[in-house]
Protein backbone atom coordinates (compact mmCIF):
# COMPACT_ATOMS: atom_id res chain seq x y z
CA MET A 1 0.00 0.00 0.00
CA ILE A 2 1.26 3.47 -0.92
CA VAL A 3 0.54 6.04 1.78
CA GLY A 4 0.81 9.80 1.26
CA ASN A 5 0.01 13.02 3.07
CA GLY A 6 -3.72 12.64 2.35
CA PHE A 7 -3.71 9.67 4.73
CA ASP A 8 -2.62 11.89 7.63
CA LEU A 9 -5.08 14.58 6.60
CA ALA A 10 -7.91 12.02 6.56
CA HIS A 11 -7.01 11.30 10.20
CA GLY A 12 -7.40 14.97 11.11
CA LEU A 13 -3.67 15.68 11.41
CA PRO A 14 -2.60 19.24 10.42
CA THR A 15 0.12 18.13 7.97
CA SER A 16 -0.92 19.95 4.80
CA TYR A 17 1.13 22.68 3.17
CA LYS A 18 -1.64 25.15 4.07
CA ASP A 19 -1.50 24.10 7.73
CA PHE A 20 2.25 24.66 7.73
CA ILE A 21 2.34 28.00 5.92
CA ASP A 22 -0.63 29.48 7.80
CA ASP A 23 1.00 28.49 11.09
CA PHE A 24 4.11 30.44 10.10
CA TRP A 25 2.22 33.69 9.56
CA ALA A 26 -0.17 33.21 12.49
CA ASN A 27 2.76 32.81 14.91
CA LEU A 28 5.03 35.44 13.41
CA HIS A 29 4.18 37.97 16.15
CA ASN A 30 5.86 35.59 18.63
CA THR A 31 8.67 34.20 16.47
CA PHE A 32 9.96 37.12 14.37
CA GLU A 33 13.04 37.50 16.61
CA ASN A 34 14.12 33.85 16.21
CA ALA A 35 17.26 33.37 14.12
CA SER A 36 15.62 30.70 11.94
CA ILE A 37 12.75 33.08 11.15
CA ARG A 38 15.11 35.97 10.40
CA ASP A 39 16.67 33.77 7.70
CA LEU A 40 13.28 33.82 5.95
CA VAL A 41 11.80 37.27 6.61
CA CYS A 42 13.16 40.47 8.12
CA PHE A 43 11.57 43.48 9.86
CA ASP A 44 12.53 46.90 11.06
CA GLU A 45 11.45 46.07 14.61
CA SER A 46 10.43 49.64 15.42
CA HIS A 47 7.35 49.06 13.22
CA ILE A 48 6.39 45.59 14.50
CA LYS A 49 3.62 46.74 16.86
CA ASN A 50 2.04 48.92 14.20
CA LEU A 51 1.84 46.02 11.73
CA GLN A 52 -0.66 44.22 14.04
CA LEU A 53 0.85 40.81 13.46
CA GLU A 54 -1.20 39.28 16.28
CA SER A 55 -4.32 39.61 14.08
CA VAL A 56 -2.75 37.70 11.17
CA SER A 57 -3.77 34.09 10.44
CA ASN A 58 -2.36 33.65 6.91
CA TYR A 59 -0.19 35.29 4.25
CA ASP A 60 -3.03 37.17 2.56
CA GLU A 61 -3.96 38.84 5.84
CA PHE A 62 -0.32 39.73 6.41
CA CYS A 63 -0.14 41.40 2.99
CA ASN A 64 -3.40 43.28 3.70
CA ASN A 65 -1.90 44.59 6.96
CA LEU A 66 1.22 45.74 5.10
CA SER A 67 -0.84 47.52 2.48
CA SER A 68 -3.08 49.24 5.06
CA TYR A 69 -0.08 50.35 7.10
CA ALA A 70 1.62 51.73 3.99
CA ILE A 71 -1.42 53.84 3.11
CA GLU A 72 -1.83 55.04 6.70
CA GLN A 73 1.83 56.08 7.12
CA GLY A 74 2.58 57.14 3.57
CA PHE A 75 5.12 54.39 3.05
CA PHE A 76 5.85 52.63 -0.21
CA TYR A 77 4.35 49.15 -0.50
CA ASP A 78 6.09 47.09 -3.17
CA ASN A 79 3.39 44.57 -4.08
CA THR A 80 5.72 42.78 -6.51
CA ASN A 81 8.16 41.90 -3.74
CA SER A 82 5.62 41.84 -0.89
CA SER A 83 7.83 44.36 0.94
CA LEU A 84 7.30 47.64 2.74
CA LYS A 85 9.85 50.46 2.40
CA HIS A 86 10.35 53.92 3.85
CA SER A 87 8.92 56.44 1.41
CA HIS A 88 11.85 58.80 1.88
CA ASP A 89 14.46 56.08 1.46
CA ARG A 90 13.31 53.12 -0.58
CA SER A 91 16.54 51.25 0.03
CA THR A 92 15.58 50.90 3.71
CA PHE A 93 13.08 48.09 4.34
CA ILE A 94 10.45 47.87 7.02
CA PHE A 95 9.74 44.30 5.87
CA LYS A 96 11.28 42.06 3.24
CA PHE A 97 11.83 38.40 2.37
CA GLU A 98 15.36 37.16 2.98
CA ASN A 99 14.65 33.76 1.45
CA HIS A 100 13.66 34.16 -2.21
CA PHE A 101 12.36 30.60 -2.55
CA PHE A 102 10.15 31.07 0.52
CA LYS A 103 8.78 34.22 -1.08
CA GLU A 104 8.01 32.32 -4.29
CA ILE A 105 6.06 29.52 -2.62
CA ASN A 106 4.02 32.05 -0.64
CA GLU A 107 3.10 34.13 -3.65
CA ARG A 108 2.37 31.44 -6.23
CA SER A 109 -1.32 30.58 -6.10
CA HIS A 110 -0.86 27.15 -7.74
CA ILE A 111 1.13 25.83 -4.77
CA GLU A 112 -1.33 23.88 -2.65
CA ASN A 113 0.47 20.63 -1.77
CA TRP A 114 3.94 19.48 -0.78
CA VAL A 115 4.48 18.01 -4.22
CA ASP A 116 3.97 21.51 -5.66
CA ILE A 117 6.90 22.80 -3.58
CA GLU A 118 9.11 19.96 -4.77
CA ASN A 119 8.07 20.68 -8.36
CA GLU A 120 8.75 24.40 -7.85
CA TYR A 121 12.22 23.61 -6.55
CA TYR A 122 12.93 21.54 -9.66
CA ARG A 123 11.66 24.31 -11.94
CA GLU A 124 14.00 26.79 -10.26
CA LEU A 125 16.88 24.33 -10.51
CA LYS A 126 16.28 23.80 -14.24
CA LYS A 127 16.01 27.53 -14.85
CA ILE A 128 19.39 28.12 -13.21
CA SER A 129 21.04 25.22 -15.03
CA LYS A 130 19.98 26.61 -18.42
CA GLN A 131 21.29 30.15 -17.89
CA GLU A 132 23.66 31.07 -20.70
CA PRO A 133 25.98 34.09 -21.14
CA THR A 134 24.09 37.03 -22.68
CA GLN A 135 25.21 40.28 -24.22
CA LYS A 136 23.30 43.43 -23.29
CA ALA A 137 23.66 46.85 -24.85
CA GLY A 138 26.38 48.89 -23.17
CA ARG A 139 27.59 45.95 -21.08
CA LYS A 140 30.56 43.67 -21.37
CA THR A 141 29.74 40.16 -22.51
CA SER A 142 30.11 37.53 -19.79
CA THR A 143 32.10 34.41 -20.57
CA LYS A 144 30.87 30.85 -20.21
CA LYS A 145 33.22 30.43 -17.27
CA GLN A 146 31.74 33.47 -15.52
CA GLN A 147 28.20 32.28 -16.19
CA LYS A 148 29.03 28.82 -14.88
CA ALA A 149 30.38 30.34 -11.67
CA LYS A 150 27.28 32.51 -11.34
CA ASN A 151 25.00 29.52 -11.89
CA LYS A 152 26.89 27.52 -9.27
CA GLU A 153 26.43 30.31 -6.75
CA ASN A 154 22.73 30.56 -7.58
CA ILE A 155 22.13 26.84 -7.16
CA ARG A 156 24.03 26.86 -3.88
CA THR A 157 21.79 29.69 -2.68
CA LEU A 158 18.67 27.83 -3.83
CA ASN A 159 19.75 24.71 -1.94
CA GLU A 160 20.48 26.70 1.21
CA GLN A 161 17.07 28.37 1.05
CA PHE A 162 15.37 25.04 0.38
CA GLU A 163 17.16 23.60 3.43
CA GLU A 164 15.86 26.44 5.60
CA ILE A 165 12.30 25.61 4.58
CA LYS A 166 12.83 21.89 5.22
CA ASN A 167 14.08 22.65 8.73
CA LEU A 168 11.11 24.93 9.34
CA PHE A 169 8.78 22.15 8.20
CA LYS A 170 10.40 19.54 10.46
CA ASN A 171 10.10 21.87 13.44
CA TYR A 172 6.45 22.49 12.60
CA LEU A 173 5.61 18.77 12.41
CA ASN A 174 7.33 18.08 15.73
CA ARG A 175 5.60 21.02 17.44
CA CYS A 176 2.09 20.74 15.98
CA VAL A 177 1.74 17.01 15.28
CA THR A 178 4.15 14.81 17.24
CA ARG A 179 3.72 16.72 20.52
CA ASN A 180 -0.02 17.32 20.16
CA TYR A 181 -1.42 13.88 19.26
CA ASN A 182 -1.35 10.53 21.01
CA PHE A 183 -0.16 7.86 18.56
CA THR A 184 -0.27 4.99 21.05
CA LYS A 185 -3.92 4.96 22.10
CA ASN A 186 -6.53 3.21 19.96
CA LEU A 187 -7.93 5.21 17.08
CA ILE A 188 -11.52 6.37 16.99
CA LYS A 189 -13.41 4.45 14.22
CA VAL A 190 -10.26 2.58 13.16
CA ASP A 191 -12.36 -0.28 11.74
CA HIS A 192 -13.55 2.02 8.95
CA LEU A 193 -10.16 1.55 7.30
CA LEU A 194 -8.86 -1.65 8.85
CA LYS A 195 -11.64 -3.69 7.22
CA TYR A 196 -10.01 -3.30 3.79
CA PHE A 197 -7.05 -5.43 4.93
CA GLU A 198 -8.98 -8.27 6.51
CA MET A 199 -8.40 -11.79 5.24
CA ARG A 200 -11.87 -13.22 4.69
CA PRO A 201 -13.27 -15.82 2.27
CA LEU A 202 -15.07 -14.48 -0.79
CA GLY A 203 -16.51 -17.72 -2.14
CA LEU A 204 -14.57 -17.58 -5.39
CA SER A 205 -15.00 -20.44 -7.85
CA GLU A 206 -14.33 -21.02 -11.53
CA GLU A 207 -18.06 -20.76 -12.20
CA TYR A 208 -18.66 -17.41 -10.47
CA VAL A 209 -15.26 -15.71 -10.42
CA LYS A 210 -16.02 -13.53 -13.43
CA ASP A 211 -18.93 -11.93 -11.57
CA ASN A 212 -17.03 -11.26 -8.36
CA PRO A 213 -16.12 -7.55 -7.87
CA TYR A 214 -12.82 -8.42 -6.21
CA ALA A 215 -11.75 -10.64 -9.10
CA GLN A 216 -12.58 -7.80 -11.50
CA GLU A 217 -9.74 -5.81 -9.94
CA PHE A 218 -7.24 -8.23 -11.49
CA PRO A 219 -6.44 -9.50 -15.00
CA LYS A 220 -8.08 -12.79 -16.01
CA GLU A 221 -4.78 -14.67 -15.89
CA ASP A 222 -4.73 -14.11 -12.11
CA TRP A 223 -8.18 -15.53 -11.43
CA LYS A 224 -6.94 -19.08 -10.91
CA ASP A 225 -4.50 -17.86 -8.26
CA LEU A 226 -7.23 -15.84 -6.57
CA ILE A 227 -9.49 -18.90 -6.37
CA GLN A 228 -6.69 -20.91 -4.80
CA ILE A 229 -5.86 -18.20 -2.25
CA ASP A 230 -9.54 -17.83 -1.36
CA ALA A 231 -9.81 -21.59 -0.79
CA GLU A 232 -6.76 -21.47 1.49
CA ILE A 233 -8.25 -18.62 3.52
CA THR A 234 -11.50 -20.57 3.89
CA GLU A 235 -9.65 -23.69 5.05
CA TYR A 236 -7.35 -21.88 7.49
CA ARG A 237 -10.28 -19.92 8.86
CA LYS A 238 -12.01 -23.17 9.77
CA LYS A 239 -8.86 -24.23 11.60
CA ARG A 240 -8.64 -20.77 13.23
CA ASP A 241 -5.07 -20.69 11.97
CA LEU A 242 -5.01 -17.78 9.51
CA TYR A 243 -1.74 -16.57 10.96
CA SER A 244 0.01 -19.52 9.30
CA LEU A 245 -0.86 -18.12 5.87
CA ASN A 246 1.99 -16.23 4.26
CA HIS A 247 -0.12 -13.15 3.54
CA LYS A 248 1.70 -9.83 3.75
CA THR A 249 0.60 -6.21 3.78
CA TYR A 250 3.48 -3.90 2.95
CA PHE A 251 3.04 -0.18 3.62
CA LEU A 252 5.25 2.10 1.55
CA ASN A 253 4.88 5.19 3.70
CA PHE A 254 5.82 8.57 2.21
CA ASN A 255 4.88 10.45 5.40
CA TYR A 256 7.29 11.53 8.14
CA THR A 257 4.88 10.98 11.05
CA CYS A 258 4.18 7.80 13.04
CA SER A 259 0.48 7.66 12.08
CA LEU A 260 0.82 4.15 10.59
CA ASP A 261 2.40 2.58 13.67
CA ILE A 262 -0.88 1.79 15.37
CA TYR A 263 -2.21 0.06 12.23
CA ILE A 264 0.89 -2.13 12.11
CA ARG A 265 0.44 -3.06 15.77
CA LEU A 266 -3.26 -3.84 15.38
CA MET A 267 -2.77 -5.95 12.24
CA ASN A 268 0.14 -7.94 13.64
CA GLY A 269 -1.41 -8.38 17.06
CA ASN A 270 -4.77 -9.78 15.96
CA HIS A 271 -4.50 -13.56 15.48
CA ASN A 272 -8.19 -14.43 15.58
CA LEU A 273 -10.70 -14.71 12.72
CA ASN A 274 -10.32 -11.02 11.90
CA HIS A 275 -6.79 -11.62 10.72
CA TYR A 276 -4.93 -9.15 8.51
CA GLY A 277 -1.76 -10.97 7.63
CA GLN A 278 1.76 -9.85 8.45
CA ALA A 279 2.05 -6.08 8.24
CA SER A 280 5.21 -4.01 7.92
CA GLN A 281 6.17 -0.57 6.70
CA ILE A 282 8.99 1.39 5.17
CA GLN A 283 9.04 5.15 5.68
CA ILE A 284 10.82 5.71 2.42
CA HIS A 285 11.28 9.46 2.93
CA GLY A 286 12.34 9.33 6.55
CA ARG A 287 10.83 9.56 10.01
CA LEU A 288 10.73 12.56 12.33
CA SER A 289 11.97 10.62 15.35
CA ASN A 290 14.88 8.99 13.52
CA VAL A 291 17.57 11.59 12.94
CA THR A 292 20.42 9.14 12.27
CA GLU A 293 19.33 6.10 10.26
CA ASN A 294 16.22 7.43 8.45
CA THR A 295 16.45 11.19 8.09
CA ILE A 296 13.92 13.35 6.25
CA ASN A 297 14.19 13.09 2.46
CA PHE A 298 12.42 16.08 0.91
CA GLY A 299 13.33 17.03 -2.65
CA PHE A 300 12.69 15.82 -6.19
CA GLY A 301 12.68 12.34 -7.70
CA ASP A 302 11.97 12.46 -11.42
CA GLU A 303 15.04 11.17 -13.22
CA MET A 304 12.80 10.32 -16.18
CA ASP A 305 12.38 14.03 -16.94
CA GLU A 306 13.96 15.00 -20.26
CA ASP A 307 16.02 17.76 -18.60
CA TYR A 308 17.54 15.51 -15.94
CA LYS A 309 20.31 14.29 -18.25
CA LEU A 310 21.26 17.89 -18.97
CA ILE A 311 21.58 18.57 -15.24
CA GLU A 312 23.56 15.38 -14.66
CA ASN A 313 25.96 16.28 -17.49
CA LEU A 314 26.85 19.57 -15.78
CA ASP A 315 29.21 17.43 -13.67
CA ASP A 316 28.46 19.43 -10.52
CA ASN A 317 27.04 17.58 -7.51
CA GLU A 318 25.49 20.75 -6.10
CA TYR A 319 22.75 20.39 -8.74
CA LEU A 320 21.98 16.84 -7.55
CA LYS A 321 21.94 17.63 -3.84
CA ASN A 322 18.17 17.37 -3.38
CA PHE A 323 17.40 14.47 -5.70
CA LYS A 324 15.71 11.77 -3.65
CA SER A 325 17.39 8.82 -5.35
CA PHE A 326 20.82 9.69 -3.95
CA LYS A 327 19.43 9.80 -0.42
CA TYR A 328 17.85 6.36 -0.83
CA SER A 329 21.38 4.93 -0.71
CA GLN A 330 21.83 6.16 2.87
CA ASN A 331 19.95 3.14 4.25
CA SER A 332 18.44 -0.20 3.17
CA ASN A 333 14.84 1.02 2.64
CA TYR A 334 14.98 1.15 -1.14
CA LYS A 335 16.64 -2.26 -1.45
CA ASN A 336 14.04 -3.75 0.92
CA LEU A 337 11.31 -2.32 -1.30
CA LEU A 338 12.86 -3.87 -4.41
CA ASP A 339 13.21 -7.22 -2.64
CA TYR A 340 9.52 -7.13 -1.76
CA ILE A 341 8.15 -6.21 -5.20
CA ASP A 342 10.36 -8.85 -6.81
CA SER A 343 9.34 -11.61 -4.37
CA ASP A 344 5.74 -12.23 -5.48
CA LYS A 345 2.67 -10.79 -7.19
CA PHE A 346 1.05 -7.84 -5.44
CA GLN A 347 -1.79 -5.34 -5.66
CA VAL A 348 -1.20 -1.65 -4.95
CA TYR A 349 -3.56 0.34 -2.75
CA ILE A 350 -3.10 4.11 -3.01
CA MET A 351 -4.22 6.00 0.07
CA GLY A 352 -3.64 9.73 0.26
CA HIS A 353 -0.81 9.95 -2.27
CA SER A 354 -1.25 12.30 -5.22
CA CYS A 355 1.24 10.30 -7.36
CA GLY A 356 2.85 13.55 -8.48
CA LEU A 357 5.99 13.83 -10.57
CA SER A 358 8.30 14.45 -7.61
CA ASP A 359 8.20 10.68 -6.92
CA ARG A 360 8.11 9.57 -10.54
CA THR A 361 11.20 7.36 -10.65
CA LEU A 362 10.19 5.38 -7.56
CA LEU A 363 6.54 4.98 -8.57
CA ASN A 364 7.49 3.92 -12.09
CA THR A 365 9.67 1.20 -10.57
CA ILE A 366 6.65 -0.14 -8.67
CA PHE A 367 3.87 0.33 -11.22
CA GLU A 368 5.67 -1.16 -14.24
CA ARG A 369 6.95 -4.18 -12.30
CA LYS A 370 5.47 -7.37 -13.76
CA ASN A 371 4.50 -8.49 -10.25
CA CYS A 372 2.29 -5.42 -9.90
CA ARG A 373 -1.06 -6.87 -10.95
CA SER A 374 -3.42 -3.97 -10.26
CA ILE A 375 -3.57 -0.46 -8.81
CA LYS A 376 -6.57 0.45 -6.67
CA THR A 377 -7.19 4.05 -5.64
CA PHE A 378 -8.84 5.17 -2.42
CA TYR A 379 -9.86 8.65 -3.50
CA HIS A 380 -11.00 11.73 -1.60
CA GLU A 381 -14.60 12.91 -1.92
CA TRP A 382 -16.00 16.17 -0.59
CA VAL A 383 -19.06 18.43 -0.82
CA ASP A 384 -18.75 22.13 -1.69
CA LYS A 385 -20.74 25.06 -0.29
CA GLU A 386 -23.49 24.42 -2.83
CA ASP A 387 -23.80 20.75 -1.75
CA LYS A 388 -22.19 19.50 -4.97
CA LYS A 389 -20.04 16.40 -4.71
CA HIS A 390 -16.46 16.40 -5.96
CA ASP A 391 -13.63 13.88 -5.89
CA ASN A 392 -10.01 13.58 -7.02
CA PHE A 393 -10.18 10.10 -8.58
CA THR A 394 -9.57 11.29 -12.16
CA GLU A 395 -6.73 13.57 -11.05
CA ILE A 396 -4.94 10.69 -9.31
CA ILE A 397 -5.38 8.40 -12.32
CA GLN A 398 -4.02 11.10 -14.63
CA ASN A 399 -1.01 11.46 -12.35
CA ILE A 400 -0.50 7.69 -12.28
CA SER A 401 -0.47 7.61 -16.08
CA ARG A 402 2.63 9.85 -16.12
CA HIS A 403 4.59 7.13 -14.33
CA PHE A 404 4.06 4.60 -17.11
CA ASN A 405 6.11 4.35 -20.27
CA ASP A 406 3.76 1.65 -21.57
CA LYS A 407 0.21 3.07 -21.58
CA LYS A 408 -1.31 -0.24 -22.60
CA VAL A 409 0.10 -1.84 -19.46
CA MET A 410 -1.18 1.12 -17.45
CA ARG A 411 -4.76 0.64 -18.65
CA SER A 412 -4.66 -3.05 -17.78
CA LYS A 413 -3.55 -2.38 -14.20
CA ILE A 414 -5.69 0.56 -13.08
CA VAL A 415 -8.86 -0.49 -11.24
CA ASN A 416 -11.89 1.41 -12.53
CA LYS A 417 -13.73 3.85 -10.27
CA SER A 418 -16.80 1.65 -9.76
CA LEU A 419 -14.58 -0.88 -7.93
CA CYS A 420 -12.61 1.70 -5.92
CA LYS A 421 -13.49 3.23 -2.54
CA THR A 422 -13.32 6.62 -0.90
CA LEU A 423 -10.70 7.08 1.78
CA PRO A 424 -12.45 7.29 5.19
CA GLN A 425 -12.27 10.80 6.65
CA ASP A 426 -13.61 10.17 10.16
CA ILE A 427 -10.78 8.22 11.85
CA ARG A 428 -9.12 10.30 14.55
CA PHE A 429 -6.11 10.25 16.84
CA GLN A 430 -6.75 11.56 20.33
CA LYS A 431 -5.21 14.90 21.20
CA LYS A 432 -2.89 15.08 24.17
CA VAL A 433 -4.25 16.96 27.14
């Protein structure tokens, strides 16, 4: 099963990009003096009280306060740079962004998810890598060597700014998620999700298999195997010995939190008729509590992109610093994943992962594996203010398609919407008192 940020959000955890960025601005009146915050934004502190930061809950409100204060005091508000300057000396700032990349992700309306930030980083990286010497009227032409040195400095700055944001994000998750929620007590309504992993007989037979919804999730050449597995489950259930079956649930967890731990414990600890097989997980992009063996891996992972070869051929490791694949080699997680997907046939459940391009290389490795027999999406459904239903099923499927080189294989593996389920949104962790 592939688990993404939507899984944590469905459990009521404040782990979205919006949660993170709104928290930054809402707490700025208390944190603006911190060194880590000063690396991102800077104030002339004599104006702090007048900016009414305590009333701010998001970036738009912050900008509105800046604009109102500028009009009231006759200052110059630079809307392009989201900065406020003294009207008599526009080189002196009352507020400005110190981290250009942080400014970009705040101002770009299309950035809504973490994958958008990773994609934005890659766009900036490509833009820098393609900068060529230019000749402007009245100016001396720069050489290729000078441009290369300038590009190297720019990419180093981008990486430093990206690192500042990653550190801010880690601190946010520890402060607002890890310390605020109890991940050891039983979940409220946990059965709403756990039921999808239960090993139970379906009554499959050669005569009726073609009409069974579960069998329809797989290609016809797998039906014989499904019938055999179903018969084994029925037999072992009679013996009350389902634990002896070699059935495995493997969670490929892209989140940094410990929200899956309780599911692993419940599935492995239940040896009665409601058996779920042997469950395990890999937090492929790191874990907040593990700062040595499984550190946070936040960056970009699309080596299939046509521009990647160009970047690789620059022969400068600074450009490759935030590519996920190189961080996979820091531990055995990636190898363990490959061992699993090569060991036997499997079905992929997607829960809360957008399948965006920032994980393209890894997802392609999984989806195009011959052992991957089908891909089932647990999509998000919601109702708008006008009581109209919406869902993101089509968006996820479109994203999945970008990870396939062979579109014919893709169409044979994707489970159609009528056989898929919505991801439960009512399971909750208890808050700490």
